[in-house]
Protein backbone atom coordinates (compact mmCIF):
# COMPACT_ATOMS: atom_id res chain seq x y z
CA MET A 1 0.00 0.00 0.00
CA ALA A 2 2.92 2.32 0.79
CA SER A 3 4.33 1.90 -2.69
CA ASN A 4 1.14 3.28 -4.16
CA ASN A 5 1.90 6.63 -2.54
CA ILE A 6 5.30 6.92 -4.42
CA PRO A 7 5.11 8.98 -7.59
CA ALA A 8 5.51 6.96 -10.76
CA SER A 9 8.63 8.98 -11.78
CA LEU A 10 10.46 7.86 -8.60
CA GLN A 11 9.50 4.20 -8.67
CA LEU A 12 12.30 1.75 -9.62
CA LYS A 13 11.79 0.16 -12.96
CA PRO A 14 13.16 -3.25 -13.92
CA LYS A 15 16.32 -3.16 -16.08
CA LYS A 16 15.66 -3.77 -19.72
CA THR A 17 17.60 -6.59 -21.26
CA SER A 18 18.33 -7.43 -24.85
CA GLY A 19 17.28 -10.58 -26.59
CA LEU A 20 20.55 -12.16 -25.38
CA GLY A 21 19.72 -11.45 -21.76
CA LEU A 22 22.25 -8.60 -21.46
CA ASN A 23 21.58 -5.36 -19.66
CA PHE A 24 22.76 -1.92 -20.82
CA TRP A 25 26.22 -1.98 -19.22
CA GLN A 26 26.94 -5.49 -20.41
CA ARG A 27 26.07 -4.46 -23.96
CA GLU A 28 28.34 -1.41 -23.61
CA ILE A 29 31.26 -3.56 -22.45
CA LEU A 30 30.65 -6.04 -25.25
CA ALA A 31 30.57 -3.22 -27.81
CA PHE A 32 33.80 -1.74 -26.40
CA TYR A 33 35.73 -4.99 -26.72
CA GLY A 34 34.23 -5.54 -30.13
CA PHE A 35 35.64 -2.23 -31.35
CA VAL A 36 39.09 -2.64 -29.77
CA SER A 37 39.47 -6.33 -30.60
CA PRO A 38 41.16 -5.66 -34.00
CA TRP A 39 43.85 -3.61 -32.23
CA ILE A 40 44.23 -6.19 -29.45
CA LEU A 41 44.53 -9.05 -31.94
CA GLY A 42 47.02 -7.04 -34.00
CA PHE A 43 49.06 -6.19 -30.91
CA ILE A 44 49.19 -9.85 -29.88
CA ALA A 45 50.01 -11.09 -33.38
CA LEU A 46 52.52 -8.39 -34.33
CA SER A 47 54.12 -7.54 -30.97
CA VAL A 48 53.57 -10.06 -28.18
CA ILE A 49 54.15 -13.22 -30.21
CA PRO A 50 57.23 -11.93 -32.13
CA LEU A 51 58.83 -10.56 -28.95
CA THR A 52 58.21 -13.84 -27.14
CA PHE A 53 59.68 -15.75 -30.08
CA ALA A 54 62.70 -13.40 -30.12
CA VAL A 55 63.36 -14.04 -26.43
CA ILE A 56 63.17 -17.79 -26.95
CA ILE A 57 65.46 -18.01 -30.01
CA SER A 58 68.10 -15.82 -28.32
CA PHE A 59 68.84 -18.87 -26.14
CA THR A 60 69.10 -21.28 -29.09
CA ASN A 61 71.22 -21.99 -32.18
CA PHE A 62 68.38 -21.00 -34.52
CA ASN A 63 69.58 -20.07 -38.02
CA GLY A 64 66.23 -19.68 -39.75
CA PHE A 65 65.92 -23.23 -41.09
CA ASN A 66 67.16 -25.70 -38.46
CA LEU A 67 63.91 -26.39 -36.66
CA ASP A 68 64.67 -30.11 -36.75
CA SER A 69 68.08 -29.66 -35.07
CA LEU A 70 67.18 -26.71 -32.84
CA SER A 71 68.93 -26.91 -29.48
CA PHE A 72 68.89 -24.86 -26.30
CA LEU A 73 72.22 -23.12 -25.63
CA GLY A 74 71.37 -21.29 -22.42
CA LEU A 75 73.38 -18.09 -22.02
CA SER A 76 76.04 -19.07 -24.58
CA ASN A 77 74.96 -16.43 -27.12
CA TYR A 78 75.03 -13.71 -24.48
CA LYS A 79 78.43 -14.85 -23.16
CA GLU A 80 79.87 -14.85 -26.67
CA ALA A 81 78.51 -11.36 -27.29
CA LEU A 82 80.02 -9.99 -24.09
CA GLN A 83 83.40 -11.53 -24.95
CA SER A 84 83.53 -10.50 -28.62
CA PRO A 85 85.83 -7.57 -29.51
CA ASN A 86 83.67 -6.89 -32.59
CA VAL A 87 80.71 -6.17 -30.31
CA TYR A 88 82.65 -3.60 -28.30
CA ARG A 89 84.08 -2.04 -31.47
CA SER A 90 80.63 -1.67 -33.02
CA PHE A 91 79.19 -0.32 -29.79
CA ALA A 92 82.03 2.21 -29.58
CA LEU A 93 81.15 3.44 -33.09
CA THR A 94 77.50 3.72 -32.05
CA ALA A 95 78.42 5.70 -28.94
CA GLN A 96 80.68 7.92 -31.04
CA PHE A 97 77.85 8.61 -33.44
CA ALA A 98 75.46 9.43 -30.55
CA LEU A 99 77.99 11.75 -28.85
CA TYR A 100 78.46 13.70 -32.07
CA SER A 101 75.01 13.68 -33.67
CA ILE A 102 72.85 14.47 -30.62
CA PRO A 103 74.56 17.67 -29.37
CA ILE A 104 75.36 18.94 -32.88
CA GLY A 105 71.84 18.25 -34.12
CA MET A 106 70.23 19.89 -31.09
CA ALA A 107 72.56 22.90 -31.31
CA VAL A 108 71.78 23.43 -35.00
CA ALA A 109 68.04 22.98 -34.40
CA LEU A 110 68.06 25.40 -31.47
CA GLY A 111 70.05 27.98 -33.46
CA LEU A 112 67.58 27.77 -36.33
CA ALA A 113 64.66 28.03 -33.91
CA LEU A 114 66.14 31.14 -32.30
CA LEU A 115 66.68 32.67 -35.73
CA LEU A 116 63.20 31.83 -36.99
CA ASN A 117 61.61 33.11 -33.78
CA THR A 118 62.75 36.63 -34.66
CA LYS A 119 61.03 38.95 -37.12
CA ILE A 120 63.01 38.35 -40.30
CA PRO A 121 61.80 38.67 -43.91
CA LEU A 122 60.24 35.53 -45.43
CA ARG A 123 60.22 33.82 -42.04
CA GLY A 124 57.38 31.46 -42.99
CA ILE A 125 59.18 30.30 -46.13
CA PHE A 126 62.37 29.58 -44.21
CA ARG A 127 60.45 27.61 -41.60
CA THR A 128 58.97 25.47 -44.35
CA LEU A 129 62.30 24.95 -46.11
CA TYR A 130 64.10 23.87 -42.94
CA TYR A 131 61.32 21.44 -42.09
CA LEU A 132 60.99 19.86 -45.55
CA PRO A 133 63.94 17.41 -45.16
CA THR A 134 62.13 15.67 -42.30
CA MET A 135 59.30 14.76 -44.68
CA VAL A 136 61.68 12.79 -46.90
CA PRO A 137 61.75 9.07 -45.94
CA GLY A 138 64.94 7.92 -44.26
CA VAL A 139 65.81 5.49 -47.05
CA ALA A 140 65.46 8.22 -49.68
CA THR A 141 67.67 10.53 -47.60
CA ALA A 142 70.32 7.83 -47.33
CA LEU A 143 70.17 7.26 -51.11
CA VAL A 144 70.66 10.99 -51.71
CA PHE A 145 73.72 11.07 -49.46
CA GLN A 146 74.97 7.88 -51.09
CA THR A 147 74.92 9.68 -54.44
CA ILE A 148 76.55 12.81 -53.03
CA LEU A 149 79.32 10.89 -51.23
CA ASN A 150 80.04 8.36 -53.98
CA THR A 151 83.79 7.84 -54.33
CA ASN A 152 83.94 7.99 -58.13
CA SER A 153 80.99 10.11 -59.20
CA GLY A 154 79.86 11.87 -56.03
CA PHE A 155 78.91 15.55 -56.15
CA ILE A 156 81.39 16.54 -53.44
CA ASN A 157 84.37 14.97 -55.21
CA LEU A 158 83.32 16.48 -58.54
CA PHE A 159 82.92 19.91 -56.95
CA ILE A 160 86.33 19.78 -55.28
CA SER A 161 87.89 18.58 -58.54
CA GLU A 162 86.44 21.57 -60.38
CA VAL A 163 87.69 23.96 -57.70
CA VAL A 164 91.28 22.67 -57.54
CA GLY A 165 91.50 21.94 -61.27
CA ARG A 166 92.52 18.28 -61.00
CA PRO A 167 90.74 14.97 -60.27
CA ILE A 168 90.09 14.41 -56.58
CA VAL A 169 88.96 11.01 -55.32
CA ILE A 170 88.17 10.96 -51.61
CA ASP A 171 86.59 7.91 -50.07
CA TRP A 172 84.35 9.87 -47.72
CA VAL A 173 82.33 6.94 -46.41
CA ASN A 174 85.31 4.68 -45.76
CA ASN A 175 87.46 7.37 -44.16
CA TYR A 176 84.81 9.52 -42.47
CA GLY A 177 81.89 7.14 -42.05
CA ILE A 178 80.59 8.40 -38.71
CA GLY A 179 80.94 12.01 -39.88
CA CYS A 180 78.82 11.23 -42.94
CA MET A 181 76.10 9.71 -40.76
CA VAL A 182 76.23 12.70 -38.42
CA ALA A 183 75.84 15.07 -41.38
CA MET A 184 72.86 13.08 -42.59
CA GLY A 185 71.27 13.20 -39.14
CA VAL A 186 71.81 16.95 -38.76
CA TRP A 187 70.34 17.55 -42.22
CA GLY A 188 67.01 16.22 -40.97
CA CYS A 189 66.77 18.19 -37.72
CA GLY A 190 63.58 19.99 -38.77
CA THR A 191 61.36 18.23 -36.23
CA THR A 192 63.69 19.19 -33.39
CA MET A 193 63.71 22.76 -34.70
CA VAL A 194 59.90 22.93 -34.71
CA LEU A 195 59.69 21.68 -31.12
CA PHE A 196 62.27 24.20 -29.95
CA LEU A 197 60.41 26.92 -31.86
CA ALA A 198 57.16 25.97 -30.13
CA GLY A 199 58.94 26.14 -26.78
CA LEU A 200 60.39 29.55 -27.55
CA GLN A 201 56.98 30.91 -28.44
CA GLY A 202 55.66 29.67 -25.09
CA ILE A 203 58.18 31.69 -23.08
CA PRO A 204 56.56 34.90 -21.76
CA GLU A 205 58.08 37.99 -23.31
CA GLU A 206 57.63 39.79 -19.98
CA LEU A 207 60.35 37.67 -18.38
CA GLN A 208 62.86 38.52 -21.07
CA GLU A 209 61.90 42.19 -21.04
CA ALA A 210 62.29 42.38 -17.26
CA ALA A 211 65.75 40.82 -17.52
CA ARG A 212 66.79 43.35 -20.16
CA ILE A 213 65.56 46.21 -17.99
CA ASP A 214 67.71 44.85 -15.14
CA GLY A 215 70.74 45.04 -17.42
CA ALA A 216 71.00 41.46 -18.71
CA ASN A 217 72.58 41.01 -22.14
CA LYS A 218 71.42 38.52 -24.78
CA TRP A 219 73.60 35.68 -23.49
CA GLN A 220 72.41 36.18 -19.92
CA VAL A 221 68.78 36.20 -21.04
CA PHE A 222 69.36 32.97 -22.94
CA ARG A 223 71.36 31.35 -20.14
CA HIS A 224 69.10 32.18 -17.22
CA ILE A 225 65.64 32.42 -18.80
CA ILE A 226 65.33 30.81 -22.22
CA TRP A 227 67.49 27.75 -21.68
CA PRO A 228 65.96 26.68 -18.31
CA LEU A 229 62.43 27.07 -19.69
CA LEU A 230 63.41 24.97 -22.72
CA SER A 231 64.82 22.19 -20.54
CA PRO A 232 61.68 19.95 -20.75
CA ILE A 233 61.90 20.02 -24.55
CA THR A 234 65.66 19.42 -24.34
CA TYR A 235 65.03 16.43 -22.09
CA TYR A 236 62.53 14.99 -24.57
CA GLN A 237 64.85 15.58 -27.53
CA LEU A 238 67.76 13.99 -25.67
CA MET A 239 65.77 10.84 -24.96
CA MET A 240 64.50 10.57 -28.52
CA GLY A 241 67.99 11.29 -29.88
CA ILE A 242 69.53 8.47 -27.85
CA ILE A 243 66.83 6.02 -28.90
CA GLY A 244 67.22 7.03 -32.55
CA SER A 245 71.03 6.93 -32.55
CA LEU A 246 71.05 3.40 -31.12
CA GLN A 247 68.76 2.22 -33.92
CA MET A 248 70.66 3.53 -36.94
CA PHE A 249 71.30 0.62 -39.28
CA PHE A 250 69.81 1.05 -42.76
CA GLN A 251 71.61 4.39 -43.20
CA ALA A 252 74.93 2.64 -42.59
CA GLY A 253 74.09 -0.11 -45.09
CA ILE A 254 72.98 2.27 -47.83
CA LEU A 255 75.94 4.63 -47.36
CA SER A 256 78.33 1.68 -47.53
CA GLN A 257 77.21 1.05 -51.09
CA ALA A 258 78.71 4.41 -52.05
CA SER A 259 82.14 2.85 -51.51
CA GLY A 260 81.43 -0.61 -52.88
CA GLY A 261 80.19 -2.11 -49.63
CA ASN A 262 77.28 -4.43 -48.96
CA PHE A 263 74.00 -3.46 -47.31
CA TRP A 264 73.96 -6.33 -44.80
CA ASN A 265 77.74 -6.14 -44.33
CA PRO A 266 78.57 -2.43 -44.00
CA LEU A 267 82.09 -1.06 -44.14
CA GLN A 268 84.07 -1.22 -40.92
CA SER A 269 83.83 2.56 -40.59
CA LEU A 270 80.02 2.20 -40.48
CA MET A 271 79.70 -1.08 -38.59
CA VAL A 272 77.53 0.34 -35.81
CA TYR A 273 76.00 -2.01 -33.28
CA PRO A 274 72.58 -2.58 -34.96
CA SER A 275 74.31 -3.19 -38.30
CA TYR A 276 76.63 -5.73 -36.71
CA ALA A 277 73.67 -7.55 -35.15
CA LEU A 278 71.78 -7.62 -38.46
CA SER A 279 74.86 -8.77 -40.37
CA GLN A 280 75.13 -11.74 -38.01
CA MET A 281 71.52 -12.63 -38.74
CA MET A 282 71.27 -11.89 -42.47
CA SER A 283 74.80 -12.65 -43.72
CA TYR A 284 75.78 -15.49 -41.38
CA GLN A 285 72.30 -16.85 -40.53
CA ARG A 286 73.03 -16.66 -36.80
CA PHE A 287 69.56 -15.55 -35.77
CA GLY A 288 69.92 -16.73 -32.20
CA TYR A 289 73.17 -14.82 -31.68
CA GLY A 290 71.92 -11.74 -33.52
CA THR A 291 68.74 -11.64 -31.45
CA ALA A 292 70.81 -11.88 -28.27
CA LEU A 293 72.77 -8.83 -29.47
CA ILE A 294 69.52 -6.90 -29.96
CA TRP A 295 68.32 -7.76 -26.46
CA ILE A 296 71.64 -6.58 -25.02
CA LEU A 297 71.12 -3.29 -26.87
CA PHE A 298 67.61 -3.08 -25.41
CA VAL A 299 68.97 -3.50 -21.86
CA VAL A 300 71.68 -0.86 -22.47
CA LEU A 301 69.04 1.53 -23.79
CA LEU A 302 66.89 1.00 -20.70
CA ILE A 303 69.87 1.68 -18.43
CA VAL A 304 70.85 4.88 -20.27
CA ALA A 305 67.25 6.12 -20.35
CA GLY A 306 66.89 5.35 -16.64
CA ILE A 307 70.04 7.30 -15.77
CA ILE A 308 68.87 10.32 -17.76
CA GLN A 309 65.42 10.14 -16.19
CA LYS A 310 66.87 9.97 -12.68
CA THR A 311 69.26 12.88 -13.26
CA SER A 312 66.65 15.04 -15.00
CA LYS A 313 65.44 16.42 -11.66
CA TYR A 314 68.72 18.35 -11.39
CA TRP A 315 68.51 20.17 -14.72
CA VAL A 316 64.93 20.01 -16.02
CA TYR A 317 62.66 22.83 -14.82
CA TYR A 318 58.88 22.72 -15.19
CA ALA A 319 56.54 25.70 -15.12
CA VAL A 320 54.00 23.71 -13.08
CA GLU A 321 54.50 21.28 -10.22
CA GLN A 322 54.73 17.69 -11.44
CA GLU A 323 52.25 15.17 -10.13
CA GLY A 324 53.59 13.06 -7.32
CA LYS A 325 56.40 15.48 -6.39
CA ALA A 326 56.27 17.29 -3.11
CA LYS A 327 56.47 21.04 -3.21
CA LYS A 328 59.64 22.50 -1.81
């Protein structure tokens, strides 16, 4: 009798179910998983399964065809990698490339961003021109540099020959391999330039104007205002630069062809760590050993990234307080 006194709008109504006996929330959950299932299946098929397979074969003598004679080697591949002088030589070349390309590329990108942040004629055109190289695929860029640096018919050698008046044949790739890769990396620094430019435009002009009124010169304004406020972008670019420099392999293979080398077996001057690992897999069919080399690189990358992340609190300054950090 009491329920008859409750208005009809406030009375609880039974949940409607579909023909399958599902209520509204169950249908929503089913629809959600139906929409994301292609991505989930793709992630499992293209990421989880290959990575699991790569971990497994790194402990075996797998060469691509010996499934019938496949045997478990334990840590033998990893021990061989850590004892091989070729591994340390290739890793030293990779570290050399990273130490040169990252600071030079960031310095050039920051200089261009500072220039293009000022009011100069045709500023929009210059911004477009400096960014265009980043839109060229990496393989196409390497092919262009291969043509320019070719020992016999390269543009640089032909230009120098015309200037000095006699034939000049310089094997740029064989003698200055890392320098050639650094030049190719710096040539495509447009993305870094755009990010620095965005950061510069986010710095309040009032801060710089106040510093100038107090007597600060251009270097002091850059050192104490611009550079600290750009540190989050610098941190991001540093991390991406390290990851990218440790993954350079097809550039080395394509540039090697400019001096008669092989793609899967680059010249010694360009035998960076990823190229060495791929040469072991593709040229010598040592897939188990090559995969172990890649996993070692992955661990090294995690360690380096962790060190940079831990030390970032000493040199990265944020305009807002970061979540989870206590205010000082």
